Amino acid sequence: MYQMVYETLLTTDKDLKLRPGLAESWKQDSPTSYTLTLRRDAKWSNGGLVRTRPSSVTLA
């Protein structure tokens, strides 16, 4: 249901392979580190463009 409200960075197909979502590409830098490139046309709910800068996020 969340995919009907939110767009995820990545999604999966019927074979559970990763597919682009908000991230148009990604690469695994190490076993615990990934670099994702967001689509240039990504917009917030108010219509403003998403601006990105390099950042680090930890998921637990």
C-alpha atoms as a PDB file:
ATOM      1  CA  MET A   1       0.000   0.000   0.000  1.00  0.00           C
ATOM      2  CA  TYR A   2       2.842   2.412   0.774  1.00  0.00           C
ATOM      3  CA  GLN A   3       3.836   2.379  -2.915  1.00  0.00           C
ATOM      4  CA  MET A   4       0.483   3.958  -3.717  1.00  0.00           C
ATOM      5  CA  VAL A   5       1.408   6.947  -1.518  1.00  0.00           C
ATOM      6  CA  TYR A   6       5.211   7.082  -1.553  1.00  0.00           C
ATOM      7  CA  GLU A   7       7.805   6.482  -4.233  1.00  0.00           C
ATOM      8  CA  THR A   8      10.687   4.333  -3.043  1.00  0.00           C
ATOM      9  CA  LEU A   9      14.346   4.689  -4.003  1.00  0.00           C
ATOM     10  CA  LEU A  10      14.315   1.220  -5.529  1.00  0.00           C
ATOM     11  CA  THR A  11      11.594  -1.288  -6.266  1.00  0.00           C
ATOM     12  CA  THR A  12      11.534  -4.967  -7.190  1.00  0.00           C
ATOM     13  CA  ASP A  13      10.082  -6.801 -10.149  1.00  0.00           C
ATOM     14  CA  LYS A  14       8.175 -10.106 -10.087  1.00  0.00           C
ATOM     15  CA  ASP A  15      11.511 -11.977  -9.829  1.00  0.00           C
ATOM     16  CA  LEU A  16      12.555  -9.773  -6.870  1.00  0.00           C
ATOM     17  CA  LYS A  17      15.330  -8.104  -8.881  1.00  0.00           C
ATOM     18  CA  LEU A  18      16.021  -4.468  -8.004  1.00  0.00           C
ATOM     19  CA  ARG A  19      14.578  -1.916 -10.400  1.00  0.00           C
ATOM     20  CA  PRO A  20      14.828   1.895 -10.513  1.00  0.00           C
ATOM     21  CA  GLY A  21      12.405   3.991  -8.525  1.00  0.00           C
ATOM     22  CA  LEU A  22      13.328   7.459  -7.313  1.00  0.00           C
ATOM     23  CA  ALA A  23      16.946   6.343  -7.753  1.00  0.00           C
ATOM     24  CA  GLU A  24      17.754   5.919 -11.442  1.00  0.00           C
ATOM     25  CA  SER A  25      20.964   4.026 -10.736  1.00  0.00           C
ATOM     26  CA  TRP A  26      22.910   2.552  -7.852  1.00  0.00           C
ATOM     27  CA  LYS A  27      26.158   0.772  -7.136  1.00  0.00           C
ATOM     28  CA  GLN A  28      27.480  -1.174  -4.195  1.00  0.00           C
ATOM     29  CA  ASP A  29      30.701   0.406  -2.948  1.00  0.00           C
ATOM     30  CA  SER A  30      31.327  -2.189  -0.238  1.00  0.00           C
ATOM     31  CA  PRO A  31      29.305  -4.866   1.548  1.00  0.00           C
ATOM     32  CA  THR A  32      27.659  -2.151   3.660  1.00  0.00           C
ATOM     33  CA  SER A  33      27.829   0.952   1.444  1.00  0.00           C
ATOM     34  CA  TYR A  34      25.814   1.972  -1.627  1.00  0.00           C
ATOM     35  CA  THR A  35      25.821   5.030  -3.879  1.00  0.00           C
ATOM     36  CA  LEU A  36      22.444   5.981  -5.373  1.00  0.00           C
ATOM     37  CA  THR A  37      21.820   8.537  -8.125  1.00  0.00           C
ATOM     38  CA  LEU A  38      18.402  10.197  -7.981  1.00  0.00           C
ATOM     39  CA  ARG A  39      16.364  11.077 -11.054  1.00  0.00           C
ATOM     40  CA  ARG A  40      16.808  14.703 -12.133  1.00  0.00           C
ATOM     41  CA  ASP A  41      13.033  15.116 -12.524  1.00  0.00           C
ATOM     42  CA  ALA A  42      12.230  14.022  -8.936  1.00  0.00           C
ATOM     43  CA  LYS A  43       9.765  16.395  -7.280  1.00  0.00           C
ATOM     44  CA  TRP A  44       8.382  16.945  -3.799  1.00  0.00           C
ATOM     45  CA  SER A  45       4.630  16.780  -3.246  1.00  0.00           C
ATOM     46  CA  ASN A  46       4.465  20.588  -3.595  1.00  0.00           C
ATOM     47  CA  GLY A  47       5.959  20.378  -7.103  1.00  0.00           C
ATOM     48  CA  GLY A  48       9.421  21.666  -6.170  1.00  0.00           C
ATOM     49  CA  LEU A  49      12.432  19.823  -7.575  1.00  0.00           C
ATOM     50  CA  VAL A  50      14.341  17.578  -5.194  1.00  0.00           C
ATOM     51  CA  ARG A  51      17.821  19.008  -4.751  1.00  0.00           C
ATOM     52  CA  THR A  52      20.505  16.553  -3.725  1.00  0.00           C
ATOM     53  CA  ARG A  53      23.960  16.693  -2.304  1.00  0.00           C
ATOM     54  CA  PRO A  54      26.285  13.907  -1.199  1.00  0.00           C
ATOM     55  CA  SER A  55      25.226  12.535   2.157  1.00  0.00           C
ATOM     56  CA  SER A  56      25.610   9.537   4.367  1.00  0.00           C
ATOM     57  CA  VAL A  57      22.681   7.691   5.907  1.00  0.00           C
ATOM     58  CA  THR A  58      22.780   4.783   8.321  1.00  0.00           C
ATOM     59  CA  LEU A  59      19.952   2.257   8.297  1.00  0.00           C
ATOM     60  CA  ALA A  60      19.639  -0.101  11.227  1.00  0.00           C
END
